[in-house]
Amino acid sequence: MSAQGEVQEAHHELKTVIASGQLSAQLHERAENLLQRIERPFRLSVMGLPGSGRSTLLNLLLGADVLPEGARLPTLQLSYGDTPSIQCTLPDGSTETLESDDLSALADLKPAFAQVFLPLPALTKLSMMEVVAGSDPREQMRAIQWATKRTDIALWCSKGSFEEEEEDLWSHAPEKVQDHAFLMLTNADTSAAQGDLQERLAAAKTDGRDYFKNILPIGTKAAIAARKPDGTVDKEALRSSGGVALISSILRDVEAARESAADQAHVFLRQIDFTTAPKTEQKTAKAKAKIVEEAPKPAEMVQPEPKPVKKVKSKPKKAKQAKKPEPKAAAPKKEAAKPAELLSFKPESRAAIEIAVEQLNAEGTVMLESLQSGALDDVTVIETCVDTVKWLDEYLSNSGVKGDALYSKSCEAAVDAADLIQLIQLEPGDSVASDALSLMVQLKQDMQSSLAA
């Protein structure tokens, strides 16, 4: 069963055992806690000193211009809601609700805290909080202590390279939050233009390595500009700005946490000896079984129509040393410019790529036919694509021959696809399932081309 299927099965069985009414009060509470861990959107908090780029980074993650630049706003909790609204907590403890997403009206009320509900796709996976505090270290410390109790994933924004003042503050964050925290070096595009990004990154890795899961540079404004008004995304621009690395890292953390919660749920269910009546695992498995029985698999994966296949751009590679030009003496030297081993796979690598192509063919054929026949919904297709590409990335990284240059290119393409398919999930519109399928089609075609080389 896929990772998504495991999570869905755990979710279904927890709901069933809770509804049965057969649990003691203690076991019922434990089951409810596990169910909440699976159902609740993960809580992401964006923190940092004033002027560190928190609001701009949050706009990037939201996929919309929600937080106006320069507005004096309190700490904001942003969650999913079918219709926009804002619930304000005023300094005297009273509350007031605004039936809109007008943050300028919110600023006029001068609340101590506000919860904003918005119908944004990104908020179905994550609830997001911008933690606002002044430059006084004591105020910052109180804000960190308050926010980390309500945080699963933390982003600490730094406009420098994690200076001593920031280290003093963040060192007091709970270790369980530090283990799921990212140090974001904002304004990375400006630093790169000035030529000091690598120095800044090296300093941050030295000073921050004990406090963060990862340290990522981000050109936030460039990443936001990669999202076009019509909802499409310039994925290469988003990648070069650091946006893809950030979004895919966050979503991987979320998926790992949900899978961990599902594992704990299965252990709990075994402990209480709970089993459900035999059921088909999930929509994906149900549709696959039906289609495999009724329809022969075509030799080639069919592209979704009418949407054309999108070209998957490969990750920017480190600059390679230029090859010395061959002497012009003999004509055959033209063919000798590329070593023979670069033109074909080594046997073990070829076998791994052939297995990968077969898997993509099988998964793609089943999903395309079931999607076209209405047997699957878009959400299930996307989840299956995510699982398939994740499997492919892991499989190729543990197979093949190290040092096989052509195989390494296929591995890089799989890594790219794993990052891009995470990003596709957050894009609005009706074409998300087709985009995910097109990505698998392109990956399969690239691997077939490399086998034929």
Protein backbone atom coordinates (compact mmCIF):
# COMPACT_ATOMS: atom_id res chain seq x y z
CA MET A 1 0.00 0.00 0.00
CA SER A 2 1.23 3.52 -0.75
CA ALA A 3 2.21 5.96 2.01
CA GLN A 4 -0.93 7.99 1.27
CA GLY A 5 -2.99 4.81 1.44
CA GLU A 6 -1.50 3.93 4.84
CA VAL A 7 -2.45 7.35 6.18
CA GLN A 8 -5.98 7.11 4.78
CA GLU A 9 -6.44 3.60 6.19
CA ALA A 10 -5.27 4.72 9.65
CA HIS A 11 -7.63 7.70 9.46
CA HIS A 12 -10.60 5.49 8.51
CA GLU A 13 -9.91 2.89 11.20
CA LEU A 14 -9.43 5.48 13.95
CA LYS A 15 -12.77 7.09 13.07
CA THR A 16 -14.42 3.66 13.06
CA VAL A 17 -13.06 2.59 16.45
CA ILE A 18 -13.96 5.96 18.02
CA ALA A 19 -17.51 5.74 16.63
CA SER A 20 -17.88 2.18 17.99
CA GLY A 21 -18.18 3.49 21.56
CA GLN A 22 -16.23 0.47 22.86
CA LEU A 23 -13.13 2.34 24.10
CA SER A 24 -12.46 3.31 27.69
CA ALA A 25 -12.20 7.04 28.42
CA GLN A 26 -8.40 6.84 28.41
CA LEU A 27 -8.20 4.91 25.12
CA HIS A 28 -10.84 7.16 23.55
CA GLU A 29 -8.74 10.24 24.36
CA ARG A 30 -5.63 8.61 22.91
CA ALA A 31 -7.48 7.69 19.72
CA GLU A 32 -8.84 11.23 19.39
CA ASN A 33 -5.33 12.67 19.77
CA LEU A 34 -3.99 10.39 17.03
CA LEU A 35 -6.92 11.26 14.76
CA GLN A 36 -6.29 14.98 15.30
CA ARG A 37 -2.62 14.56 14.37
CA ILE A 38 -3.68 13.06 11.03
CA GLU A 39 -6.57 15.44 10.31
CA ARG A 40 -5.25 18.77 11.57
CA PRO A 41 -3.32 20.94 9.11
CA PHE A 42 0.26 21.22 10.31
CA ARG A 43 1.11 24.47 12.03
CA LEU A 44 3.87 26.50 10.39
CA SER A 45 5.20 29.63 12.11
CA VAL A 46 7.31 32.32 10.45
CA MET A 47 9.49 34.17 12.95
CA GLY A 48 12.40 36.58 12.96
CA LEU A 49 13.50 40.07 13.94
CA PRO A 50 11.66 43.12 12.54
CA GLY A 51 12.49 43.74 8.88
CA SER A 52 13.73 40.19 8.27
CA GLY A 53 11.22 39.49 5.47
CA ARG A 54 8.62 37.43 7.33
CA SER A 55 5.54 38.87 5.60
CA THR A 56 6.98 38.53 2.09
CA LEU A 57 7.97 34.93 2.76
CA LEU A 58 4.50 34.18 4.08
CA ASN A 59 2.93 35.65 0.91
CA LEU A 60 5.11 33.28 -1.11
CA LEU A 61 3.93 30.25 0.86
CA LEU A 62 0.30 31.37 0.67
CA GLY A 63 0.56 31.76 -3.11
CA ALA A 64 -1.24 35.12 -2.87
CA ASP A 65 -0.55 38.73 -1.90
CA VAL A 66 -2.30 38.53 1.47
CA LEU A 67 -0.08 40.59 3.77
CA PRO A 68 0.32 44.19 2.55
CA GLU A 69 3.84 45.59 2.66
CA GLY A 70 4.43 48.05 5.49
CA ALA A 71 1.15 47.38 7.32
CA ARG A 72 1.37 47.37 11.12
CA LEU A 73 -0.32 44.08 11.91
CA PRO A 74 -0.32 41.88 15.02
CA THR A 75 0.60 38.21 15.15
CA LEU A 76 -1.64 36.52 12.55
CA GLN A 77 -2.88 32.94 12.37
CA LEU A 78 -3.97 32.06 8.82
CA SER A 79 -6.24 29.04 8.36
CA TYR A 80 -8.47 27.61 5.64
CA GLY A 81 -12.04 28.89 5.38
CA ASP A 82 -14.59 28.59 2.56
CA THR A 83 -15.30 32.32 2.86
CA PRO A 84 -12.87 35.04 3.99
CA SER A 85 -13.23 36.32 7.55
CA ILE A 86 -11.08 37.70 10.36
CA GLN A 87 -11.56 37.08 14.06
CA CYS A 88 -9.80 39.75 16.11
CA THR A 89 -8.79 39.53 19.76
CA LEU A 90 -8.65 43.08 21.09
CA PRO A 91 -6.32 44.32 23.87
CA ASP A 92 -9.15 44.17 26.45
CA GLY A 93 -9.78 40.48 25.65
CA SER A 94 -12.98 41.03 23.68
CA THR A 95 -13.36 39.70 20.14
CA GLU A 96 -14.68 41.16 16.91
CA THR A 97 -15.31 39.39 13.60
CA LEU A 98 -14.85 40.97 10.16
CA GLU A 99 -16.64 39.24 7.29
CA SER A 100 -13.87 40.03 4.80
CA ASP A 101 -10.14 39.66 4.26
CA ASP A 102 -9.47 43.42 4.51
CA LEU A 103 -6.29 43.54 6.58
CA SER A 104 -6.22 47.34 6.47
CA ALA A 105 -9.50 47.32 8.43
CA LEU A 106 -7.84 44.89 10.82
CA ALA A 107 -4.94 47.29 11.36
CA ASP A 108 -7.39 50.06 12.31
CA LEU A 109 -8.75 47.93 15.18
CA LYS A 110 -5.21 47.46 16.60
CA PRO A 111 -5.90 43.92 17.90
CA ALA A 112 -3.46 41.91 19.99
CA PHE A 113 -3.97 38.84 17.81
CA ALA A 114 -6.03 37.89 14.75
CA GLN A 115 -7.10 34.66 13.09
CA VAL A 116 -7.63 35.02 9.35
CA PHE A 117 -9.67 32.47 7.36
CA LEU A 118 -9.03 32.32 3.61
CA PRO A 119 -10.02 29.90 0.78
CA LEU A 120 -6.42 29.27 -0.37
CA PRO A 121 -5.17 25.81 -1.49
CA ALA A 122 -1.96 26.15 0.54
CA LEU A 123 -3.97 26.41 3.77
CA THR A 124 -5.55 22.98 3.27
CA LYS A 125 -2.19 21.41 4.14
CA LEU A 126 -0.79 24.00 6.54
CA SER A 127 -2.07 26.63 8.88
CA MET A 128 0.43 29.49 8.92
CA MET A 129 1.32 32.06 11.54
CA GLU A 130 3.38 35.21 11.33
CA VAL A 131 4.84 35.91 14.77
CA VAL A 132 5.17 39.67 15.28
CA ALA A 133 7.31 41.17 18.07
CA GLY A 134 9.41 44.28 18.53
CA SER A 135 13.18 44.45 18.57
CA ASP A 136 13.41 44.28 22.39
CA PRO A 137 15.01 40.86 23.21
CA ARG A 138 12.58 40.27 26.10
CA GLU A 139 9.60 40.83 23.81
CA GLN A 140 11.11 38.53 21.20
CA MET A 141 11.75 35.85 23.81
CA ARG A 142 8.14 35.95 25.05
CA ALA A 143 6.90 35.70 21.46
CA ILE A 144 9.14 32.69 20.72
CA GLN A 145 8.06 30.89 23.89
CA TRP A 146 4.39 31.50 23.10
CA ALA A 147 4.60 30.60 19.41
CA THR A 148 6.70 27.43 19.69
CA LYS A 149 3.97 25.82 21.82
CA ARG A 150 1.70 26.20 18.80
CA THR A 151 4.20 25.21 16.10
CA ASP A 152 5.02 22.02 14.19
CA ILE A 153 7.37 23.59 11.61
CA ALA A 154 9.26 26.86 12.14
CA LEU A 155 10.91 29.23 9.68
CA TRP A 156 13.35 31.74 11.20
CA CYS A 157 13.98 34.59 8.77
CA SER A 158 17.35 36.32 8.85
CA LYS A 159 18.39 39.29 6.73
CA GLY A 160 22.01 38.62 7.73
CA SER A 161 23.66 35.28 8.43
CA PHE A 162 22.09 34.35 11.79
CA GLU A 163 23.80 36.91 13.97
CA GLU A 164 24.68 36.48 17.65
CA GLU A 165 21.49 38.23 18.80
CA GLU A 166 19.37 35.79 16.77
CA GLU A 167 21.32 32.80 18.07
CA ASP A 168 20.78 33.93 21.67
CA LEU A 169 17.03 34.08 21.06
CA TRP A 170 16.56 30.92 19.02
CA SER A 171 18.76 28.79 21.30
CA HIS A 172 15.90 28.93 23.84
CA ALA A 173 13.38 27.36 21.43
CA PRO A 174 12.36 23.78 22.38
CA GLU A 175 14.56 21.13 20.80
CA LYS A 176 11.54 19.39 19.22
CA VAL A 177 10.80 22.64 17.31
CA GLN A 178 14.45 23.17 16.37
CA ASP A 179 14.42 19.66 14.86
CA HIS A 180 11.72 20.87 12.44
CA ALA A 181 13.00 24.41 11.90
CA PHE A 182 14.52 26.04 8.81
CA LEU A 183 16.82 29.05 8.82
CA MET A 184 15.77 31.23 5.88
CA LEU A 185 18.40 33.62 4.53
CA THR A 186 16.15 36.21 2.93
CA ASN A 187 17.16 38.62 0.12
CA ALA A 188 19.39 35.89 -1.31
CA ASP A 189 19.00 37.29 -4.84
CA THR A 190 20.39 40.65 -3.72
CA SER A 191 23.25 38.93 -1.87
CA ALA A 192 24.04 36.87 -4.97
CA ALA A 193 24.14 40.03 -7.11
CA GLN A 194 26.50 41.63 -4.60
CA GLY A 195 28.70 38.54 -4.55
CA ASP A 196 28.45 37.78 -0.83
CA LEU A 197 25.80 35.04 -0.74
CA GLN A 198 28.25 32.14 -0.40
CA GLU A 199 30.08 33.87 2.44
CA ARG A 200 26.78 34.60 4.16
CA LEU A 201 25.61 31.01 3.69
CA ALA A 202 28.89 29.60 5.06
CA ALA A 203 28.66 31.80 8.16
CA ALA A 204 25.02 30.79 8.73
CA LYS A 205 25.90 27.09 8.45
CA THR A 206 28.67 27.54 11.03
CA ASP A 207 26.54 29.45 13.53
CA GLY A 208 23.17 27.81 12.92
CA ARG A 209 23.95 24.16 12.25
CA ASP A 210 23.00 23.07 15.81
CA TYR A 211 19.64 24.85 15.79
CA PHE A 212 18.02 24.05 12.42
CA LYS A 213 17.09 21.07 10.28
CA ASN A 214 18.20 22.97 7.18
CA ILE A 215 19.53 26.36 6.11
CA LEU A 216 18.06 27.71 2.87
CA PRO A 217 18.74 30.93 0.93
CA ILE A 218 15.62 32.47 -0.61
CA GLY A 219 15.14 35.32 -3.07
CA THR A 220 11.58 35.86 -1.88
CA LYS A 221 10.51 38.62 -4.27
CA ALA A 222 11.93 36.73 -7.24
CA ALA A 223 10.09 33.60 -6.08
CA ILE A 224 6.81 35.52 -5.81
CA ALA A 225 7.33 36.98 -9.29
CA ALA A 226 7.58 33.40 -10.61
CA ARG A 227 3.88 32.95 -9.82
CA LYS A 228 1.94 34.49 -12.71
CA PRO A 229 -1.44 36.29 -12.36
CA ASP A 230 -3.20 33.53 -14.33
CA GLY A 231 -2.20 30.95 -11.71
CA THR A 232 0.65 29.36 -13.69
CA VAL A 233 4.17 29.15 -12.28
CA ASP A 234 7.54 29.69 -13.92
CA LYS A 235 9.03 26.65 -12.21
CA GLU A 236 12.59 27.36 -13.34
CA ALA A 237 12.44 30.87 -11.88
CA LEU A 238 10.90 29.51 -8.69
CA ARG A 239 13.66 26.92 -8.49
CA SER A 240 16.54 29.35 -9.01
CA SER A 241 15.11 31.71 -6.37
CA GLY A 242 15.06 28.93 -3.77
CA GLY A 243 11.26 28.67 -3.71
CA VAL A 244 11.03 25.05 -4.88
CA ALA A 245 13.61 23.90 -2.30
CA LEU A 246 11.65 25.59 0.49
CA ILE A 247 8.17 24.38 -0.53
CA SER A 248 9.26 20.79 -1.22
CA SER A 249 11.21 20.66 2.09
CA ILE A 250 8.15 21.82 4.04
CA LEU A 251 5.80 19.38 2.29
CA ARG A 252 8.22 16.49 2.83
CA ASP A 253 8.24 17.34 6.55
CA VAL A 254 4.44 17.41 6.60
CA GLU A 255 4.15 14.06 4.81
CA ALA A 256 6.75 12.45 7.11
CA ALA A 257 4.86 13.67 10.18
CA ARG A 258 1.51 12.35 8.87
CA GLU A 259 3.10 8.99 8.06
CA SER A 260 4.58 8.87 11.57
CA ALA A 261 1.13 9.59 13.05
CA ALA A 262 -0.36 6.83 10.87
CA ASP A 263 2.32 4.37 12.06
CA GLN A 264 1.50 5.21 15.67
CA ALA A 265 -2.19 4.78 14.93
CA HIS A 266 -1.59 1.30 13.49
CA VAL A 267 0.43 0.34 16.60
CA PHE A 268 -2.41 1.61 18.80
CA LEU A 269 -5.01 -0.34 16.81
CA ARG A 270 -2.95 -3.54 17.11
CA GLN A 271 -2.56 -2.98 20.85
CA ILE A 272 -6.33 -2.83 21.33
CA ASP A 273 -6.77 -5.72 18.86
CA PHE A 274 -9.00 -3.66 16.58
CA THR A 275 -9.69 -4.84 13.03
CA THR A 276 -12.22 -3.54 10.54
CA ALA A 277 -14.32 -5.75 8.32
CA PRO A 278 -12.52 -6.59 5.07
CA LYS A 279 -12.63 -3.54 2.81
CA THR A 280 -11.00 -2.45 -0.40
CA GLU A 281 -8.04 -0.38 0.69
CA GLN A 282 -8.66 2.96 -0.99
CA LYS A 283 -10.13 4.49 -4.17
CA THR A 284 -6.80 4.16 -5.94
CA ALA A 285 -6.42 0.44 -5.21
CA LYS A 286 -10.11 -0.17 -6.02
CA ALA A 287 -9.87 1.53 -9.40
CA LYS A 288 -6.56 -0.12 -10.26
CA ALA A 289 -7.89 -3.62 -9.54
CA LYS A 290 -10.97 -2.97 -11.70
CA ILE A 291 -8.98 -1.56 -14.60
CA VAL A 292 -6.25 -4.19 -14.49
CA GLU A 293 -8.92 -6.92 -14.77
CA GLU A 294 -10.97 -5.28 -17.50
CA ALA A 295 -8.49 -3.53 -19.76
CA PRO A 296 -5.15 -4.70 -21.20
CA LYS A 297 -2.26 -2.36 -20.58
CA PRO A 298 -1.08 -0.59 -23.74
CA ALA A 299 2.60 -0.72 -24.47
CA GLU A 300 2.95 3.04 -24.23
CA MET A 301 1.58 5.52 -21.72
CA VAL A 302 -1.03 7.78 -23.33
CA GLN A 303 -0.68 11.50 -22.79
CA PRO A 304 -3.65 13.34 -21.25
CA GLU A 305 -5.59 15.26 -23.87
CA PRO A 306 -6.01 18.05 -24.77
CA LYS A 307 -3.29 19.26 -22.40
CA PRO A 308 0.20 18.97 -23.99
CA VAL A 309 3.09 17.41 -22.16
CA LYS A 310 5.12 19.96 -20.23
CA LYS A 311 8.86 19.82 -20.51
CA VAL A 312 10.48 19.08 -17.14
CA LYS A 313 13.48 21.33 -16.80
CA SER A 314 16.45 19.76 -15.11
CA LYS A 315 17.99 21.15 -11.97
CA PRO A 316 20.73 23.75 -12.57
CA LYS A 317 24.02 21.92 -12.41
CA LYS A 318 27.29 23.02 -10.95
CA ALA A 319 29.61 24.49 -13.52
CA LYS A 320 31.84 21.85 -15.03
CA GLN A 321 35.40 22.38 -16.10
CA ALA A 322 35.52 23.16 -19.80
CA LYS A 323 36.88 20.38 -21.99
CA LYS A 324 40.07 21.02 -23.86
CA PRO A 325 39.43 21.25 -27.60
CA GLU A 326 40.56 18.27 -29.63
CA PRO A 327 43.31 18.77 -32.21
CA LYS A 328 41.92 19.37 -35.66
CA ALA A 329 44.27 16.90 -37.30
CA ALA A 330 41.96 13.95 -37.83
CA ALA A 331 38.24 13.91 -38.66
CA PRO A 332 37.41 10.91 -36.39
CA LYS A 333 38.29 13.09 -33.37
CA LYS A 334 34.77 14.56 -33.53
CA GLU A 335 33.33 11.28 -32.28
CA ALA A 336 36.01 10.96 -29.62
CA ALA A 337 34.97 14.23 -27.95
CA LYS A 338 32.51 12.26 -25.73
CA PRO A 339 33.83 9.17 -23.94
CA ALA A 340 31.98 6.00 -24.89
CA GLU A 341 30.91 5.33 -21.29
CA LEU A 342 28.84 8.54 -21.31
CA LEU A 343 26.79 7.32 -24.26
CA SER A 344 25.32 4.19 -22.68
CA PHE A 345 24.33 2.81 -19.30
CA LYS A 346 26.33 0.23 -17.44
CA PRO A 347 24.33 -3.04 -17.27
CA GLU A 348 23.19 -2.64 -13.64
CA SER A 349 22.14 0.96 -14.26
CA ARG A 350 20.26 0.02 -17.44
CA ALA A 351 18.33 -2.66 -15.56
CA ALA A 352 17.33 -0.13 -12.87
CA ILE A 353 16.11 2.39 -15.47
CA GLU A 354 14.14 -0.32 -17.31
CA ILE A 355 12.36 -1.24 -14.04
CA ALA A 356 11.64 2.45 -13.41
CA VAL A 357 10.14 2.86 -16.90
CA GLU A 358 7.98 -0.25 -16.45
CA GLN A 359 6.67 1.12 -13.14
CA LEU A 360 5.88 4.53 -14.66
CA ASN A 361 4.18 2.80 -17.58
CA ALA A 362 2.01 0.64 -15.33
CA GLU A 363 1.03 3.42 -12.92
CA GLY A 364 0.42 5.94 -15.69
CA THR A 365 -1.69 3.62 -17.82
CA VAL A 366 -3.96 2.70 -14.93
CA MET A 367 -4.40 6.28 -13.76
CA LEU A 368 -4.95 7.81 -17.17
CA GLU A 369 -7.61 5.29 -18.11
CA SER A 370 -9.33 5.51 -14.73
CA LEU A 371 -9.25 9.32 -14.75
CA GLN A 372 -10.75 9.44 -18.24
CA SER A 373 -13.48 6.95 -17.29
CA GLY A 374 -14.33 8.82 -14.09
CA ALA A 375 -13.22 5.95 -11.84
CA LEU A 376 -10.82 8.21 -9.92
CA ASP A 377 -11.09 11.73 -8.61
CA ASP A 378 -8.33 14.29 -9.16
CA VAL A 379 -7.19 14.26 -5.52
CA THR A 380 -6.55 10.50 -5.56
CA VAL A 381 -4.70 10.75 -8.88
CA ILE A 382 -2.43 13.49 -7.52
CA GLU A 383 -1.71 11.50 -4.35
CA THR A 384 -0.84 8.42 -6.42
CA CYS A 385 1.47 10.49 -8.66
CA VAL A 386 3.22 11.87 -5.57
CA ASP A 387 3.75 8.37 -4.16
CA THR A 388 5.01 7.04 -7.51
CA VAL A 389 7.54 9.84 -8.03
CA LYS A 390 8.73 9.56 -4.40
CA TRP A 391 9.20 5.81 -4.88
CA LEU A 392 11.09 6.43 -8.12
CA ASP A 393 13.41 8.98 -6.49
CA GLU A 394 14.23 6.60 -3.61
CA TYR A 395 14.56 3.54 -5.86
CA LEU A 396 16.99 5.17 -8.31
CA SER A 397 19.08 6.68 -5.51
CA ASN A 398 19.62 3.16 -4.08
CA SER A 399 20.15 1.35 -7.40
CA GLY A 400 22.41 1.57 -10.43
CA VAL A 401 26.17 2.10 -10.52
CA LYS A 402 27.84 5.03 -8.81
CA GLY A 403 29.86 7.09 -11.25
CA ASP A 404 27.66 6.16 -14.21
CA ALA A 405 27.20 9.66 -15.70
CA LEU A 406 24.12 8.85 -17.75
CA TYR A 407 22.45 7.16 -14.79
CA SER A 408 23.23 10.20 -12.62
CA LYS A 409 21.28 12.37 -15.09
CA SER A 410 18.23 10.13 -14.66
CA CYS A 411 18.60 10.35 -10.87
CA GLU A 412 18.74 14.15 -11.09
CA ALA A 413 15.59 14.15 -13.24
CA ALA A 414 13.81 12.05 -10.60
CA VAL A 415 14.88 14.47 -7.84
CA ASP A 416 13.59 17.37 -9.95
CA ALA A 417 10.29 15.59 -10.51
CA ALA A 418 9.90 14.91 -6.77
CA ASP A 419 10.36 18.63 -6.07
CA LEU A 420 8.06 19.78 -8.87
CA ILE A 421 5.23 17.42 -8.02
CA GLN A 422 5.21 18.84 -4.49
CA LEU A 423 4.87 22.30 -6.01
CA ILE A 424 2.09 21.23 -8.42
CA GLN A 425 -0.07 20.23 -5.43
CA LEU A 426 -0.25 23.86 -4.30
CA GLU A 427 -1.22 25.31 -7.67
CA PRO A 428 -4.83 26.45 -8.10
CA GLY A 429 -6.97 25.39 -11.06
CA ASP A 430 -8.58 22.35 -12.61
CA SER A 431 -5.47 21.10 -14.40
CA VAL A 432 -3.47 19.95 -11.36
CA ALA A 433 -4.12 16.23 -11.95
CA SER A 434 -3.23 16.54 -15.64
CA ASP A 435 -0.08 18.48 -14.72
CA ALA A 436 0.99 15.71 -12.34
CA LEU A 437 0.32 13.05 -14.98
CA SER A 438 2.16 15.09 -17.62
CA LEU A 439 5.16 15.26 -15.32
CA MET A 440 5.20 11.45 -15.06
CA VAL A 441 4.79 11.17 -18.85
CA GLN A 442 7.74 13.47 -19.45
CA LEU A 443 9.89 11.63 -16.90
CA LYS A 444 9.11 8.31 -18.57
CA GLN A 445 9.87 9.68 -22.04
CA ASP A 446 13.20 11.15 -20.88
CA MET A 447 14.22 7.80 -19.42
CA GLN A 448 13.17 5.93 -22.55
CA SER A 449 15.24 8.34 -24.64
CA SER A 450 18.28 7.73 -22.43
CA LEU A 451 17.84 3.95 -22.81
CA ALA A 452 17.82 4.35 -26.59
CA ALA A 453 20.97 6.50 -26.61
